[in-house]
Amino acid sequence: MPADLIYSYTRKQAIADGVLIEVPLSTSKEAGIRYPVAITSALWESLIKPTPELEAQGQSFEGRVWDLVFMFALYARTATSSTLIYECLFQMNPSKEPELHKIKAVIGPGDTSDPVITIMLPEED
């Protein structure tokens, strides 16, 4: 017999709380993704949010998010499971070459059971 559900934390609540950050639909659609995409705040802070030094070199939130979702879209074309590990280059230090980072994406049901995509650091769930 299944246990009674005591509490459920929805995707909508996670977005409202800042635990997840929504990728603009226009960005994901332009990359060829037809489902809503959100990234974790840990991924946002560690890879997406450019430092002031990187901003001075032309790095932007929009460009880094685009790279993230575009690379997801490329890798997703050959995916065989609902969890995908892929790689993406990010400029992390203004005086060094871009670095290759592993990224994890999970495709699953959202709050209304429609498909959603959550992109995160590999060690996140």
PDB file of N, CA and C in Angstrom:
ATOM      1  N   MET A   1       0.848  -1.168   0.000  1.00  0.00           N
ATOM      2  CA  MET A   1       0.000   0.000   0.000  1.00  0.00           C
ATOM      3  C   MET A   1       0.905   1.246   0.000  1.00  0.00           C
ATOM      4  N   PRO A   2       0.706   2.190  -0.965  1.00  0.00           N
ATOM      5  CA  PRO A   2       1.556   3.380  -1.026  1.00  0.00           C
ATOM      6  C   PRO A   2       1.330   4.282   0.186  1.00  0.00           C
ATOM      7  N   ALA A   3       2.399   4.939   0.583  1.00  0.00           N
ATOM      8  CA  ALA A   3       2.318   5.880   1.701  1.00  0.00           C
ATOM      9  C   ALA A   3       1.561   7.132   1.272  1.00  0.00           C
ATOM     10  N   ASP A   4       0.898   7.746   2.218  1.00  0.00           N
ATOM     11  CA  ASP A   4       0.201   8.999   1.935  1.00  0.00           C
ATOM     12  C   ASP A   4       1.229  10.092   1.696  1.00  0.00           C
ATOM     13  N   LEU A   5       0.980  10.894   0.671  1.00  0.00           N
ATOM     14  CA  LEU A   5       1.862  12.002   0.361  1.00  0.00           C
ATOM     15  C   LEU A   5       1.691  13.088   1.418  1.00  0.00           C
ATOM     16  N   ILE A   6       2.780  13.471   2.047  1.00  0.00           N
ATOM     17  CA  ILE A   6       2.720  14.498   3.079  1.00  0.00           C
ATOM     18  C   ILE A   6       2.962  15.886   2.482  1.00  0.00           C
ATOM     19  N   TYR A   7       3.927  15.990   1.559  1.00  0.00           N
ATOM     20  CA  TYR A   7       4.253  17.287   0.984  1.00  0.00           C
ATOM     21  C   TYR A   7       4.874  17.083  -0.395  1.00  0.00           C
ATOM     22  N   SER A   8       4.563  17.962  -1.305  1.00  0.00           N
ATOM     23  CA  SER A   8       5.129  17.934  -2.644  1.00  0.00           C
ATOM     24  C   SER A   8       5.670  19.326  -2.979  1.00  0.00           C
ATOM     25  N   TYR A   9       6.904  19.375  -3.444  1.00  0.00           N
ATOM     26  CA  TYR A   9       7.537  20.631  -3.847  1.00  0.00           C
ATOM     27  C   TYR A   9       7.489  20.683  -5.362  1.00  0.00           C
ATOM     28  N   THR A  10       6.695  21.576  -5.902  1.00  0.00           N
ATOM     29  CA  THR A  10       6.473  21.610  -7.342  1.00  0.00           C
ATOM     30  C   THR A  10       7.573  22.377  -8.073  1.00  0.00           C
ATOM     31  N   ARG A  11       7.647  22.152  -9.362  1.00  0.00           N
ATOM     32  CA  ARG A  11       8.582  22.892 -10.204  1.00  0.00           C
ATOM     33  C   ARG A  11       8.256  24.386 -10.157  1.00  0.00           C
ATOM     34  N   LYS A  12       6.967  24.703 -10.180  1.00  0.00           N
ATOM     35  CA  LYS A  12       6.538  26.103 -10.103  1.00  0.00           C
ATOM     36  C   LYS A  12       7.049  26.758  -8.821  1.00  0.00           C
ATOM     37  N   GLN A  13       6.970  26.042  -7.701  1.00  0.00           N
ATOM     38  CA  GLN A  13       7.476  26.563  -6.430  1.00  0.00           C
ATOM     39  C   GLN A  13       8.996  26.730  -6.480  1.00  0.00           C
ATOM     40  N   ALA A  14       9.692  25.755  -7.069  1.00  0.00           N
ATOM     41  CA  ALA A  14      11.148  25.825  -7.167  1.00  0.00           C
ATOM     42  C   ALA A  14      11.579  27.043  -7.997  1.00  0.00           C
ATOM     43  N   ILE A  15      10.828  27.345  -9.045  1.00  0.00           N
ATOM     44  CA  ILE A  15      11.123  28.526  -9.859  1.00  0.00           C
ATOM     45  C   ILE A  15      10.833  29.796  -9.062  1.00  0.00           C
ATOM     46  N   ALA A  16       9.711  29.835  -8.367  1.00  0.00           N
ATOM     47  CA  ALA A  16       9.365  31.006  -7.547  1.00  0.00           C
ATOM     48  C   ALA A  16      10.394  31.232  -6.440  1.00  0.00           C
ATOM     49  N   ASP A  17      10.930  30.145  -5.887  1.00  0.00           N
ATOM     50  CA  ASP A  17      11.917  30.245  -4.801  1.00  0.00           C
ATOM     51  C   ASP A  17      13.331  30.531  -5.302  1.00  0.00           C
ATOM     52  N   GLY A  18      13.555  30.437  -6.602  1.00  0.00           N
ATOM     53  CA  GLY A  18      14.887  30.662  -7.149  1.00  0.00           C
ATOM     54  C   GLY A  18      15.775  29.422  -7.141  1.00  0.00           C
ATOM     55  N   VAL A  19      15.223  28.270  -6.794  1.00  0.00           N
ATOM     56  CA  VAL A  19      15.977  27.025  -6.824  1.00  0.00           C
ATOM     57  C   VAL A  19      16.216  26.611  -8.277  1.00  0.00           C
ATOM     58  N   LEU A  20      15.232  26.905  -9.129  1.00  0.00           N
ATOM     59  CA  LEU A  20      15.350  26.715 -10.574  1.00  0.00           C
ATOM     60  C   LEU A  20      15.168  28.065 -11.248  1.00  0.00           C
ATOM     61  N   ILE A  21      15.869  28.259 -12.347  1.00  0.00           N
ATOM     62  CA  ILE A  21      15.746  29.481 -13.137  1.00  0.00           C
ATOM     63  C   ILE A  21      15.245  29.081 -14.522  1.00  0.00           C
ATOM     64  N   GLU A  22      14.131  29.676 -14.943  1.00  0.00           N
ATOM     65  CA  GLU A  22      13.557  29.359 -16.252  1.00  0.00           C
ATOM     66  C   GLU A  22      14.413  29.942 -17.372  1.00  0.00           C
ATOM     67  N   VAL A  23      14.598  29.146 -18.400  1.00  0.00           N
ATOM     68  CA  VAL A  23      15.233  29.629 -19.615  1.00  0.00           C
ATOM     69  C   VAL A  23      14.123  30.246 -20.456  1.00  0.00           C
ATOM     70  N   PRO A  24      14.317  31.446 -20.983  1.00  0.00           N
ATOM     71  CA  PRO A  24      13.263  32.044 -21.809  1.00  0.00           C
ATOM     72  C   PRO A  24      12.822  31.096 -22.925  1.00  0.00           C
ATOM     73  N   LEU A  25      11.502  30.984 -23.114  1.00  0.00           N
ATOM     74  CA  LEU A  25      10.972  30.097 -24.158  1.00  0.00           C
ATOM     75  C   LEU A  25      11.530  30.451 -25.526  1.00  0.00           C
ATOM     76  N   SER A  26      11.739  31.738 -25.772  1.00  0.00           N
ATOM     77  CA  SER A  26      12.272  32.153 -27.072  1.00  0.00           C
ATOM     78  C   SER A  26      13.671  31.575 -27.294  1.00  0.00           C
ATOM     79  N   THR A  27      14.471  31.502 -26.252  1.00  0.00           N
ATOM     80  CA  THR A  27      15.823  30.948 -26.366  1.00  0.00           C
ATOM     81  C   THR A  27      15.779  29.454 -26.628  1.00  0.00           C
ATOM     82  N   SER A  28      14.976  28.732 -25.836  1.00  0.00           N
ATOM     83  CA  SER A  28      14.924  27.280 -26.019  1.00  0.00           C
ATOM     84  C   SER A  28      14.309  26.917 -27.372  1.00  0.00           C
ATOM     85  N   LYS A  29      13.283  27.643 -27.794  1.00  0.00           N
ATOM     86  CA  LYS A  29      12.666  27.362 -29.104  1.00  0.00           C
ATOM     87  C   LYS A  29      13.650  27.635 -30.236  1.00  0.00           C
ATOM     88  N   GLU A  30      14.407  28.712 -30.118  1.00  0.00           N
ATOM     89  CA  GLU A  30      15.396  29.027 -31.147  1.00  0.00           C
ATOM     90  C   GLU A  30      16.453  27.924 -31.245  1.00  0.00           C
ATOM     91  N   ALA A  31      16.744  27.272 -30.122  1.00  0.00           N
ATOM     92  CA  ALA A  31      17.717  26.173 -30.104  1.00  0.00           C
ATOM     93  C   ALA A  31      17.093  24.857 -30.565  1.00  0.00           C
ATOM     94  N   GLY A  32      15.787  24.858 -30.842  1.00  0.00           N
ATOM     95  CA  GLY A  32      15.120  23.666 -31.323  1.00  0.00           C
ATOM     96  C   GLY A  32      14.500  22.809 -30.237  1.00  0.00           C
ATOM     97  N   ILE A  33      14.325  23.378 -29.059  1.00  0.00           N
ATOM     98  CA  ILE A  33      13.744  22.645 -27.929  1.00  0.00           C
ATOM     99  C   ILE A  33      12.291  23.074 -27.783  1.00  0.00           C
ATOM    100  N   ARG A  34      11.389  22.111 -27.723  1.00  0.00           N
ATOM    101  CA  ARG A  34       9.977  22.479 -27.652  1.00  0.00           C
ATOM    102  C   ARG A  34       9.366  22.370 -26.267  1.00  0.00           C
ATOM    103  N   TYR A  35      10.150  21.953 -25.287  1.00  0.00           N
ATOM    104  CA  TYR A  35       9.640  21.825 -23.915  1.00  0.00           C
ATOM    105  C   TYR A  35      10.265  22.891 -23.026  1.00  0.00           C
ATOM    106  N   PRO A  36       9.584  23.248 -21.940  1.00  0.00           N
ATOM    107  CA  PRO A  36      10.154  24.235 -21.015  1.00  0.00           C
ATOM    108  C   PRO A  36      11.484  23.739 -20.431  1.00  0.00           C
ATOM    109  N   VAL A  37      12.415  24.665 -20.293  1.00  0.00           N
ATOM    110  CA  VAL A  37      13.741  24.355 -19.763  1.00  0.00           C
ATOM    111  C   VAL A  37      13.994  25.240 -18.542  1.00  0.00           C
ATOM    112  N   ALA A  38      14.549  24.627 -17.509  1.00  0.00           N
ATOM    113  CA  ALA A  38      14.992  25.375 -16.326  1.00  0.00           C
ATOM    114  C   ALA A  38      16.372  24.861 -15.946  1.00  0.00           C
ATOM    115  N   ILE A  39      17.171  25.739 -15.356  1.00  0.00           N
ATOM    116  CA  ILE A  39      18.490  25.338 -14.871  1.00  0.00           C
ATOM    117  C   ILE A  39      18.533  25.546 -13.364  1.00  0.00           C
ATOM    118  N   THR A  40      19.350  24.758 -12.702  1.00  0.00           N
ATOM    119  CA  THR A  40      19.447  24.873 -11.249  1.00  0.00           C
ATOM    120  C   THR A  40      20.217  26.134 -10.870  1.00  0.00           C
ATOM    121  N   SER A  41      19.946  26.620  -9.679  1.00  0.00           N
ATOM    122  CA  SER A  41      20.658  27.811  -9.204  1.00  0.00           C
ATOM    123  C   SER A  41      22.149  27.525  -9.034  1.00  0.00           C
ATOM    124  N   ALA A  42      22.506  26.284  -8.690  1.00  0.00           N
ATOM    125  CA  ALA A  42      23.925  25.933  -8.554  1.00  0.00           C
ATOM    126  C   ALA A  42      24.641  26.037  -9.897  1.00  0.00           C
ATOM    127  N   LEU A  43      24.011  25.568 -10.960  1.00  0.00           N
ATOM    128  CA  LEU A  43      24.592  25.690 -12.298  1.00  0.00           C
ATOM    129  C   LEU A  43      24.664  27.161 -12.698  1.00  0.00           C
ATOM    130  N   TRP A  44      23.610  27.895 -12.409  1.00  0.00           N
ATOM    131  CA  TRP A  44      23.575  29.327 -12.719  1.00  0.00           C
ATOM    132  C   TRP A  44      24.753  30.052 -12.076  1.00  0.00           C
ATOM    133  N   GLU A  45      24.946  29.821 -10.784  1.00  0.00           N
ATOM    134  CA  GLU A  45      26.005  30.511 -10.045  1.00  0.00           C
ATOM    135  C   GLU A  45      27.402  30.081 -10.474  1.00  0.00           C
ATOM    136  N   SER A  46      27.579  28.797 -10.786  1.00  0.00           N
ATOM    137  CA  SER A  46      28.929  28.313 -11.063  1.00  0.00           C
ATOM    138  C   SER A  46      29.366  28.481 -12.521  1.00  0.00           C
ATOM    139  N   LEU A  47      28.439  28.430 -13.475  1.00  0.00           N
ATOM    140  CA  LEU A  47      28.842  28.482 -14.885  1.00  0.00           C
ATOM    141  C   LEU A  47      28.165  29.556 -15.722  1.00  0.00           C
ATOM    142  N   ILE A  48      26.923  29.895 -15.420  1.00  0.00           N
ATOM    143  CA  ILE A  48      26.177  30.793 -16.301  1.00  0.00           C
ATOM    144  C   ILE A  48      26.399  32.264 -15.973  1.00  0.00           C
ATOM    145  N   LYS A  49      26.402  32.592 -14.717  1.00  0.00           N
ATOM    146  CA  LYS A  49      26.542  33.997 -14.295  1.00  0.00           C
ATOM    147  C   LYS A  49      27.982  34.468 -14.540  1.00  0.00           C
ATOM    148  N   PRO A  50      28.180  35.357 -15.497  1.00  0.00           N
ATOM    149  CA  PRO A  50      29.551  35.803 -15.769  1.00  0.00           C
ATOM    150  C   PRO A  50      30.048  36.780 -14.704  1.00  0.00           C
ATOM    151  N   THR A  51      31.325  36.709 -14.433  1.00  0.00           N
ATOM    152  CA  THR A  51      31.946  37.660 -13.513  1.00  0.00           C
ATOM    153  C   THR A  51      32.020  39.020 -14.214  1.00  0.00           C
ATOM    154  N   PRO A  52      32.223  40.101 -13.455  1.00  0.00           N
ATOM    155  CA  PRO A  52      32.385  41.417 -14.099  1.00  0.00           C
ATOM    156  C   PRO A  52      33.524  41.430 -15.125  1.00  0.00           C
ATOM    157  N   GLU A  53      34.601  40.697 -14.850  1.00  0.00           N
ATOM    158  CA  GLU A  53      35.727  40.635 -15.794  1.00  0.00           C
ATOM    159  C   GLU A  53      35.313  39.952 -17.095  1.00  0.00           C
ATOM    160  N   LEU A  54      34.522  38.887 -16.979  1.00  0.00           N
ATOM    161  CA  LEU A  54      34.043  38.204 -18.180  1.00  0.00           C
ATOM    162  C   LEU A  54      33.037  39.062 -18.940  1.00  0.00           C
ATOM    163  N   GLU A  55      32.188  39.792 -18.200  1.00  0.00           N
ATOM    164  CA  GLU A  55      31.244  40.707 -18.864  1.00  0.00           C
ATOM    165  C   GLU A  55      31.990  41.767 -19.654  1.00  0.00           C
ATOM    166  N   ALA A  56      33.101  42.264 -19.101  1.00  0.00           N
ATOM    167  CA  ALA A  56      33.901  43.272 -19.789  1.00  0.00           C
ATOM    168  C   ALA A  56      34.476  42.735 -21.094  1.00  0.00           C
ATOM    169  N   GLN A  57      34.615  41.413 -21.197  1.00  0.00           N
ATOM    170  CA  GLN A  57      35.108  40.786 -22.426  1.00  0.00           C
ATOM    171  C   GLN A  57      33.976  40.374 -23.362  1.00  0.00           C
ATOM    172  N   GLY A  58      32.719  40.707 -22.996  1.00  0.00           N
ATOM    173  CA  GLY A  58      31.595  40.420 -23.875  1.00  0.00           C
ATOM    174  C   GLY A  58      30.775  39.199 -23.492  1.00  0.00           C
ATOM    175  N   GLN A  59      31.140  38.519 -22.407  1.00  0.00           N
ATOM    176  CA  GLN A  59      30.343  37.382 -21.958  1.00  0.00           C
ATOM    177  C   GLN A  59      29.039  37.910 -21.357  1.00  0.00           C
ATOM    178  N   SER A  60      27.933  37.194 -21.605  1.00  0.00           N
ATOM    179  CA  SER A  60      26.637  37.627 -21.082  1.00  0.00           C
ATOM    180  C   SER A  60      25.843  36.422 -20.609  1.00  0.00           C
ATOM    181  N   PHE A  61      24.836  36.688 -19.770  1.00  0.00           N
ATOM    182  CA  PHE A  61      23.913  35.635 -19.339  1.00  0.00           C
ATOM    183  C   PHE A  61      23.294  34.981 -20.569  1.00  0.00           C
ATOM    184  N   GLU A  62      22.793  35.824 -21.461  1.00  0.00           N
ATOM    185  CA  GLU A  62      22.071  35.340 -22.644  1.00  0.00           C
ATOM    186  C   GLU A  62      22.943  34.432 -23.503  1.00  0.00           C
ATOM    187  N   GLY A  63      24.177  34.836 -23.730  1.00  0.00           N
ATOM    188  CA  GLY A  63      25.080  34.038 -24.551  1.00  0.00           C
ATOM    189  C   GLY A  63      25.446  32.715 -23.901  1.00  0.00           C
ATOM    190  N   ARG A  64      25.672  32.747 -22.605  1.00  0.00           N
ATOM    191  CA  ARG A  64      26.049  31.522 -21.894  1.00  0.00           C
ATOM    192  C   ARG A  64      24.862  30.553 -21.804  1.00  0.00           C
ATOM    193  N   VAL A  65      23.654  31.104 -21.599  1.00  0.00           N
ATOM    194  CA  VAL A  65      22.459  30.252 -21.584  1.00  0.00           C
ATOM    195  C   VAL A  65      22.243  29.662 -22.977  1.00  0.00           C
ATOM    196  N   TRP A  66      22.431  30.472 -23.997  1.00  0.00           N
ATOM    197  CA  TRP A  66      22.288  29.967 -25.367  1.00  0.00           C
ATOM    198  C   TRP A  66      23.235  28.796 -25.602  1.00  0.00           C
ATOM    199  N   ASP A  67      24.500  28.956 -25.237  1.00  0.00           N
ATOM    200  CA  ASP A  67      25.467  27.866 -25.422  1.00  0.00           C
ATOM    201  C   ASP A  67      24.994  26.602 -24.701  1.00  0.00           C
ATOM    202  N   LEU A  68      24.513  26.766 -23.472  1.00  0.00           N
ATOM    203  CA  LEU A  68      24.051  25.635 -22.662  1.00  0.00           C
ATOM    204  C   LEU A  68      22.901  24.886 -23.332  1.00  0.00           C
ATOM    205  N   VAL A  69      21.874  25.615 -23.767  1.00  0.00           N
ATOM    206  CA  VAL A  69      20.698  24.944 -24.346  1.00  0.00           C
ATOM    207  C   VAL A  69      20.962  24.462 -25.768  1.00  0.00           C
ATOM    208  N   PHE A  70      21.769  25.185 -26.526  1.00  0.00           N
ATOM    209  CA  PHE A  70      22.090  24.742 -27.878  1.00  0.00           C
ATOM    210  C   PHE A  70      22.871  23.432 -27.847  1.00  0.00           C
ATOM    211  N   MET A  71      23.858  23.340 -26.948  1.00  0.00           N
ATOM    212  CA  MET A  71      24.615  22.094 -26.828  1.00  0.00           C
ATOM    213  C   MET A  71      23.718  20.958 -26.339  1.00  0.00           C
ATOM    214  N   PHE A  72      22.788  21.274 -25.428  1.00  0.00           N
ATOM    215  CA  PHE A  72      21.829  20.249 -25.004  1.00  0.00           C
ATOM    216  C   PHE A  72      21.048  19.735 -26.219  1.00  0.00           C
ATOM    217  N   ALA A  73      20.554  20.662 -27.029  1.00  0.00           N
ATOM    218  CA  ALA A  73      19.759  20.279 -28.195  1.00  0.00           C
ATOM    219  C   ALA A  73      20.554  19.380 -29.140  1.00  0.00           C
ATOM    220  N   LEU A  74      21.830  19.675 -29.328  1.00  0.00           N
ATOM    221  CA  LEU A  74      22.662  18.835 -30.195  1.00  0.00           C
ATOM    222  C   LEU A  74      22.821  17.432 -29.621  1.00  0.00           C
ATOM    223  N   TYR A  75      23.161  17.353 -28.349  1.00  0.00           N
ATOM    224  CA  TYR A  75      23.360  16.050 -27.707  1.00  0.00           C
ATOM    225  C   TYR A  75      22.043  15.280 -27.595  1.00  0.00           C
ATOM    226  N   ALA A  76      20.941  15.977 -27.366  1.00  0.00           N
ATOM    227  CA  ALA A  76      19.647  15.312 -27.160  1.00  0.00           C
ATOM    228  C   ALA A  76      19.185  14.559 -28.402  1.00  0.00           C
ATOM    229  N   ARG A  77      19.649  14.966 -29.559  1.00  0.00           N
ATOM    230  CA  ARG A  77      19.240  14.302 -30.804  1.00  0.00           C
ATOM    231  C   ARG A  77      19.633  12.828 -30.837  1.00  0.00           C
ATOM    232  N   THR A  78      20.667  12.472 -30.082  1.00  0.00           N
ATOM    233  CA  THR A  78      21.119  11.079 -30.078  1.00  0.00           C
ATOM    234  C   THR A  78      20.922  10.417 -28.714  1.00  0.00           C
ATOM    235  N   ALA A  79      20.202  11.079 -27.822  1.00  0.00           N
ATOM    236  CA  ALA A  79      20.009  10.544 -26.464  1.00  0.00           C
ATOM    237  C   ALA A  79      19.157   9.282 -26.499  1.00  0.00           C
ATOM    238  N   THR A  80      19.474   8.373 -25.590  1.00  0.00           N
ATOM    239  CA  THR A  80      18.715   7.129 -25.498  1.00  0.00           C
ATOM    240  C   THR A  80      18.084   6.939 -24.120  1.00  0.00           C
ATOM    241  N   SER A  81      18.189   7.946 -23.265  1.00  0.00           N
ATOM    242  CA  SER A  81      17.541   7.858 -21.951  1.00  0.00           C
ATOM    243  C   SER A  81      17.063   9.251 -21.540  1.00  0.00           C
ATOM    244  N   SER A  82      16.349   9.317 -20.437  1.00  0.00           N
ATOM    245  CA  SER A  82      15.801  10.593 -19.975  1.00  0.00           C
ATOM    246  C   SER A  82      16.828  11.425 -19.209  1.00  0.00           C
ATOM    247  N   THR A  83      17.983  10.843 -18.918  1.00  0.00           N
ATOM    248  CA  THR A  83      19.080  11.584 -18.298  1.00  0.00           C
ATOM    249  C   THR A  83      20.218  11.635 -19.300  1.00  0.00           C
ATOM    250  N   LEU A  84      20.742  12.824 -19.500  1.00  0.00           N
ATOM    251  CA  LEU A  84      21.768  13.037 -20.510  1.00  0.00           C
ATOM    252  C   LEU A  84      22.943  13.771 -19.870  1.00  0.00           C
ATOM    253  N   ILE A  85      24.126  13.254 -20.044  1.00  0.00           N
ATOM    254  CA  ILE A  85      25.349  13.961 -19.647  1.00  0.00           C
ATOM    255  C   ILE A  85      25.979  14.469 -20.933  1.00  0.00           C
ATOM    256  N   TYR A  86      26.251  15.764 -20.966  1.00  0.00           N
ATOM    257  CA  TYR A  86      26.864  16.335 -22.164  1.00  0.00           C
ATOM    258  C   TYR A  86      27.930  17.332 -21.754  1.00  0.00           C
ATOM    259  N   GLU A  87      28.616  17.892 -22.721  1.00  0.00           N
ATOM    260  CA  GLU A  87      29.707  18.818 -22.442  1.00  0.00           C
ATOM    261  C   GLU A  87      29.453  20.154 -23.125  1.00  0.00           C
ATOM    262  N   CYS A  88      29.955  21.200 -22.463  1.00  0.00           N
ATOM    263  CA  CYS A  88      29.794  22.554 -22.993  1.00  0.00           C
ATOM    264  C   CYS A  88      31.018  23.378 -22.596  1.00  0.00           C
ATOM    265  N   LEU A  89      31.492  24.200 -23.510  1.00  0.00           N
ATOM    266  CA  LEU A  89      32.621  25.088 -23.230  1.00  0.00           C
ATOM    267  C   LEU A  89      32.140  26.381 -22.595  1.00  0.00           C
ATOM    268  N   PHE A  90      32.838  26.812 -21.547  1.00  0.00           N
ATOM    269  CA  PHE A  90      32.566  28.103 -20.921  1.00  0.00           C
ATOM    270  C   PHE A  90      33.874  28.820 -20.641  1.00  0.00           C
ATOM    271  N   GLN A  91      33.887  30.099 -20.939  1.00  0.00           N
ATOM    272  CA  GLN A  91      35.018  30.947 -20.580  1.00  0.00           C
ATOM    273  C   GLN A  91      34.889  31.240 -19.091  1.00  0.00           C
ATOM    274  N   MET A  92      35.819  30.763 -18.280  1.00  0.00           N
ATOM    275  CA  MET A  92      35.744  30.943 -16.832  1.00  0.00           C
ATOM    276  C   MET A  92      36.773  31.950 -16.322  1.00  0.00           C
ATOM    277  N   ASN A  93      37.848  32.114 -17.065  1.00  0.00           N
ATOM    278  CA  ASN A  93      38.920  33.018 -16.677  1.00  0.00           C
ATOM    279  C   ASN A  93      39.248  33.872 -17.891  1.00  0.00           C
ATOM    280  N   PRO A  94      39.185  35.192 -17.748  1.00  0.00           N
ATOM    281  CA  PRO A  94      39.401  36.061 -18.908  1.00  0.00           C
ATOM    282  C   PRO A  94      40.738  35.871 -19.612  1.00  0.00           C
ATOM    283  N   SER A  95      41.742  35.385 -18.887  1.00  0.00           N
ATOM    284  CA  SER A  95      43.068  35.258 -19.488  1.00  0.00           C
ATOM    285  C   SER A  95      43.406  33.835 -19.930  1.00  0.00           C
ATOM    286  N   LYS A  96      42.433  32.928 -19.856  1.00  0.00           N
ATOM    287  CA  LYS A  96      42.676  31.542 -20.242  1.00  0.00           C
ATOM    288  C   LYS A  96      41.699  31.105 -21.326  1.00  0.00           C
ATOM    289  N   GLU A  97      41.975  29.961 -21.907  1.00  0.00           N
ATOM    290  CA  GLU A  97      41.098  29.381 -22.918  1.00  0.00           C
ATOM    291  C   GLU A  97      39.795  28.899 -22.265  1.00  0.00           C
ATOM    292  N   PRO A  98      38.693  28.810 -23.032  1.00  0.00           N
ATOM    293  CA  PRO A  98      37.453  28.250 -22.492  1.00  0.00           C
ATOM    294  C   PRO A  98      37.686  26.831 -21.976  1.00  0.00           C
ATOM    295  N   GLU A  99      36.901  26.459 -20.958  1.00  0.00           N
ATOM    296  CA  GLU A  99      37.032  25.148 -20.322  1.00  0.00           C
ATOM    297  C   GLU A  99      35.814  24.286 -20.643  1.00  0.00           C
ATOM    298  N   LEU A 100      36.071  23.000 -20.856  1.00  0.00           N
ATOM    299  CA  LEU A 100      35.005  22.047 -21.118  1.00  0.00           C
ATOM    300  C   LEU A 100      34.413  21.576 -19.787  1.00  0.00           C
ATOM    301  N   HIS A 101      33.084  21.677 -19.658  1.00  0.00           N
ATOM    302  CA  HIS A 101      32.397  21.282 -18.434  1.00  0.00           C
ATOM    303  C   HIS A 101      31.340  20.237 -18.743  1.00  0.00           C
ATOM    304  N   LYS A 102      31.240  19.246 -17.861  1.00  0.00           N
ATOM    305  CA  LYS A 102      30.166  18.252 -17.967  1.00  0.00           C
ATOM    306  C   LYS A 102      28.889  18.858 -17.394  1.00  0.00           C
ATOM    307  N   ILE A 103      27.785  18.598 -18.073  1.00  0.00           N
ATOM    308  CA  ILE A 103      26.470  19.106 -17.697  1.00  0.00           C
ATOM    309  C   ILE A 103      25.510  17.919 -17.689  1.00  0.00           C
ATOM    310  N   LYS A 104      24.541  17.957 -16.796  1.00  0.00           N
ATOM    311  CA  LYS A 104      23.528  16.905 -16.737  1.00  0.00           C
ATOM    312  C   LYS A 104      22.168  17.512 -17.041  1.00  0.00           C
ATOM    313  N   ALA A 105      21.393  16.825 -17.855  1.00  0.00           N
ATOM    314  CA  ALA A 105      20.023  17.253 -18.162  1.00  0.00           C
ATOM    315  C   ALA A 105      19.088  16.073 -17.917  1.00  0.00           C
ATOM    316  N   VAL A 106      17.948  16.382 -17.336  1.00  0.00           N
ATOM    317  CA  VAL A 106      16.935  15.362 -17.075  1.00  0.00           C
ATOM    318  C   VAL A 106      15.641  15.803 -17.737  1.00  0.00           C
ATOM    319  N   ILE A 107      15.064  14.901 -18.504  1.00  0.00           N
ATOM    320  CA  ILE A 107      13.782  15.150 -19.147  1.00  0.00           C
ATOM    321  C   ILE A 107      12.758  14.311 -18.410  1.00  0.00           C
ATOM    322  N   GLY A 108      11.717  14.956 -17.926  1.00  0.00           N
ATOM    323  CA  GLY A 108      10.708  14.219 -17.173  1.00  0.00           C
ATOM    324  C   GLY A 108       9.416  14.999 -17.099  1.00  0.00           C
ATOM    325  N   PRO A 109       8.463  14.461 -16.362  1.00  0.00           N
ATOM    326  CA  PRO A 109       7.175  15.149 -16.246  1.00  0.00           C
ATOM    327  C   PRO A 109       7.263  16.364 -15.325  1.00  0.00           C
ATOM    328  N   GLY A 110       6.607  17.429 -15.739  1.00  0.00           N
ATOM    329  CA  GLY A 110       6.517  18.625 -14.904  1.00  0.00           C
ATOM    330  C   GLY A 110       5.311  18.550 -13.986  1.00  0.00           C
ATOM    331  N   ASP A 111       4.902  19.674 -13.459  1.00  0.00           N
ATOM    332  CA  ASP A 111       3.791  19.748 -12.511  1.00  0.00           C
ATOM    333  C   ASP A 111       2.479  19.233 -13.096  1.00  0.00           C
ATOM    334  N   THR A 112       2.311  19.377 -14.423  1.00  0.00           N
ATOM    335  CA  THR A 112       1.069  18.922 -15.060  1.00  0.00           C
ATOM    336  C   THR A 112       1.295  17.648 -15.875  1.00  0.00           C
ATOM    337  N   SER A 113       2.403  16.987 -15.633  1.00  0.00           N
ATOM    338  CA  SER A 113       2.806  15.753 -16.322  1.00  0.00           C
ATOM    339  C   SER A 113       3.287  15.971 -17.754  1.00  0.00           C
ATOM    340  N   ASP A 114       3.292  17.199 -18.240  1.00  0.00           N
ATOM    341  CA  ASP A 114       3.870  17.480 -19.546  1.00  0.00           C
ATOM    342  C   ASP A 114       5.394  17.453 -19.429  1.00  0.00           C
ATOM    343  N   PRO A 115       6.102  17.111 -20.511  1.00  0.00           N
ATOM    344  CA  PRO A 115       7.562  17.032 -20.442  1.00  0.00           C
ATOM    345  C   PRO A 115       8.202  18.385 -20.126  1.00  0.00           C
ATOM    346  N   VAL A 116       9.232  18.347 -19.283  1.00  0.00           N
ATOM    347  CA  VAL A 116      10.065  19.504 -18.978  1.00  0.00           C
ATOM    348  C   VAL A 116      11.514  19.040 -18.939  1.00  0.00           C
ATOM    349  N   ILE A 117      12.416  19.988 -19.079  1.00  0.00           N
ATOM    350  CA  ILE A 117      13.847  19.698 -19.064  1.00  0.00           C
ATOM    351  C   ILE A 117      14.475  20.500 -17.936  1.00  0.00           C
ATOM    352  N   THR A 118      15.282  19.818 -17.131  1.00  0.00           N
ATOM    353  CA  THR A 118      16.018  20.483 -16.061  1.00  0.00           C
ATOM    354  C   THR A 118      17.488  20.231 -16.300  1.00  0.00           C
ATOM    355  N   ILE A 119      18.256  21.319 -16.375  1.00  0.00           N
ATOM    356  CA  ILE A 119      19.688  21.226 -16.643  1.00  0.00           C
ATOM    357  C   ILE A 119      20.430  21.613 -15.363  1.00  0.00           C
ATOM    358  N   MET A 120      21.450  20.813 -15.023  1.00  0.00           N
ATOM    359  CA  MET A 120      22.107  20.962 -13.726  1.00  0.00           C
ATOM    360  C   MET A 120      23.570  20.532 -13.794  1.00  0.00           C
ATOM    361  N   LEU A 121      24.254  20.693 -12.671  1.00  0.00           N
ATOM    362  CA  LEU A 121      25.605  20.166 -12.534  1.00  0.00           C
ATOM    363  C   LEU A 121      25.520  18.648 -12.434  1.00  0.00           C
ATOM    364  N   PRO A 122      26.563  17.924 -12.849  1.00  0.00           N
ATOM    365  CA  PRO A 122      26.493  16.459 -12.862  1.00  0.00           C
ATOM    366  C   PRO A 122      26.202  15.828 -11.499  1.00  0.00           C
ATOM    367  N   GLU A 123      26.629  16.451 -10.417  1.00  0.00           N
ATOM    368  CA  GLU A 123      26.428  15.864  -9.092  1.00  0.00           C
ATOM    369  C   GLU A 123      25.053  16.174  -8.486  1.00  0.00           C
ATOM    370  N   GLU A 124      24.249  16.970  -9.175  1.00  0.00           N
ATOM    371  CA  GLU A 124      22.919  17.309  -8.672  1.00  0.00           C
ATOM    372  C   GLU A 124      21.881  16.270  -9.095  1.00  0.00           C
ATOM    373  N   ASP A 125      20.786  16.239  -8.334  1.00  0.00           N
ATOM    374  CA  ASP A 125      19.648  15.369  -8.659  1.00  0.00           C
ATOM    375  C   ASP A 125      18.439  16.191  -8.997  1.00  0.00           C
TER     376      ASP A 125
END
